[in-house]
Protein backbone atom coordinates (compact mmCIF):
# COMPACT_ATOMS: atom_id res chain seq x y z
CA UNK A 1 8.28 8.97 8.80
CA UNK A 2 5.06 9.80 9.82
CA UNK A 3 4.23 10.09 5.80
CA UNK A 4 5.49 7.22 5.28
CA UNK A 5 3.45 5.09 7.97
CA UNK A 6 0.03 6.90 6.73
CA UNK A 7 0.58 6.39 2.80
CA UNK A 8 1.21 2.69 4.65
CA UNK A 9 -2.15 2.98 5.97
CA UNK A 10 -3.64 4.41 2.88
CA UNK A 11 -2.54 1.71 0.84
CA UNK A 12 -3.59 -1.05 2.77
CA UNK A 13 -7.29 0.78 3.48
CA UNK A 14 -6.83 1.28 -0.84
CA UNK A 15 -6.13 -2.21 -0.97
CA UNK A 16 -7.90 -4.29 1.49
CA UNK A 17 -11.28 -2.30 -0.53
CA UNK A 18 -10.07 -2.95 -3.96
CA UNK A 19 -9.29 -6.76 -3.37
CA UNK A 20 -13.42 -7.15 -1.14
CA UNK A 21 -14.59 -5.75 -4.04
CA UNK A 22 -12.70 -8.20 -6.52
CA UNK A 23 -11.60 -5.06 -8.85
CA UNK A 24 -7.85 -6.40 -8.20
CA UNK A 25 -6.15 -9.73 -6.91
CA UNK A 26 -2.65 -9.51 -4.54
CA UNK A 27 0.03 -10.90 -6.54
CA UNK A 28 2.16 -10.87 -3.25
CA UNK A 29 2.30 -14.46 -2.78
CA UNK A 30 2.80 -13.48 1.12
CA UNK A 31 0.06 -11.41 1.31
CA UNK A 32 -1.84 -12.90 -1.18
CA UNK A 33 -2.08 -15.86 1.74
CA UNK A 34 -2.77 -13.77 4.20
CA UNK A 35 -5.49 -12.56 2.45
CA UNK A 36 -6.79 -15.86 1.81
CA UNK A 37 -6.65 -15.99 5.82
CA UNK A 38 -8.78 -13.51 6.62
CA UNK A 39 -8.75 -8.97 6.00
CA UNK A 40 -7.76 -8.85 9.20
CA UNK A 41 -4.51 -10.73 8.67
CA UNK A 42 -3.97 -9.21 5.70
CA UNK A 43 -4.37 -5.86 7.41
CA UNK A 44 -1.79 -6.76 10.82
CA UNK A 45 0.73 -8.26 8.45
CA UNK A 46 0.74 -5.34 6.66
CA UNK A 47 0.82 -2.78 7.96
CA UNK A 48 3.56 -4.60 10.87
CA UNK A 49 6.03 -5.55 7.80
CA UNK A 50 6.14 -1.63 5.67
CA UNK A 51 6.42 -0.06 9.80
CA UNK A 52 8.64 -2.53 11.99
CA UNK A 53 10.78 -2.09 7.89
CA UNK A 54 10.06 1.78 8.26
CA UNK A 55 11.86 1.90 11.85
CA UNK A 56 14.09 0.09 10.75
CA UNK A 57 15.30 2.23 7.84
CA UNK A 58 14.38 5.14 11.17
CA UNK A 59 16.28 4.47 12.94
CA UNK A 60 19.03 4.20 10.67
CA UNK A 61 18.75 7.09 8.36
CA UNK A 62 21.51 9.56 9.97
CA UNK A 63 23.34 6.73 7.55
CA UNK A 64 23.47 7.16 3.45
CA UNK A 65 22.04 3.52 2.72
CA UNK A 66 19.24 3.75 5.19
CA UNK A 67 18.45 7.60 4.52
CA UNK A 68 17.75 6.85 0.63
CA UNK A 69 16.22 3.37 1.27
CA UNK A 70 13.27 5.76 3.17
CA UNK A 71 13.20 8.67 -0.11
CA UNK A 72 12.79 5.59 -2.34
CA UNK A 73 10.28 4.25 0.15
CA UNK A 74 8.55 7.16 0.32
CA UNK A 75 8.36 7.75 -3.58
CA UNK A 76 7.37 4.35 -4.55
CA UNK A 77 4.09 4.50 -2.03
CA UNK A 78 3.38 8.20 -3.05
CA UNK A 79 3.63 6.08 -6.95
CA UNK A 80 1.40 3.13 -5.44
CA UNK A 81 -1.52 5.82 -3.66
CA UNK A 82 -1.71 7.81 -7.10
CA UNK A 83 -1.98 4.57 -9.29
CA UNK A 84 -4.87 3.88 -6.20
CA UNK A 85 -7.06 7.33 -6.79
CA UNK A 86 -6.41 6.23 -10.93
CA UNK A 87 -8.11 3.21 -10.46
CA UNK A 88 -10.98 4.67 -7.97
CA UNK A 89 -11.64 7.45 -10.94
CA UNK A 90 -11.40 5.11 -13.31
CA UNK A 91 -14.30 2.99 -12.16
CA UNK A 92 -15.83 5.78 -10.31
CA UNK A 93 -16.39 7.10 -14.38
CA UNK A 94 -16.83 3.61 -16.23
CA UNK A 95 -20.02 3.14 -13.85
CA UNK A 96 -21.24 6.44 -14.14
CA UNK A 97 -21.35 4.92 -18.14
CA UNK A 98 -18.76 7.80 -19.18
CA UNK A 99 -15.72 5.81 -20.03
CA UNK A 100 -16.28 3.29 -23.30
């Protein structure tokens, strides 16, 4: 559970930075509305929703479906963080002039 919460926090930080710099746009309509309200609201909503969902799954972790859902979420957030890191790397290399 802790790993999922840390990955969510990292995702929120990366997404917040990318939105603030215009590097990306928010595809989720709920989160886009939160961002348009303010970055603080965006972070609060994102962290609260995922943390509450994670807690609900954690409470049922002894059953197969919640346990599998936690693993799926962990895998998905891991992939999202890899995507964020690739985006950062691409942007850094692009600004350094080493990418076309």
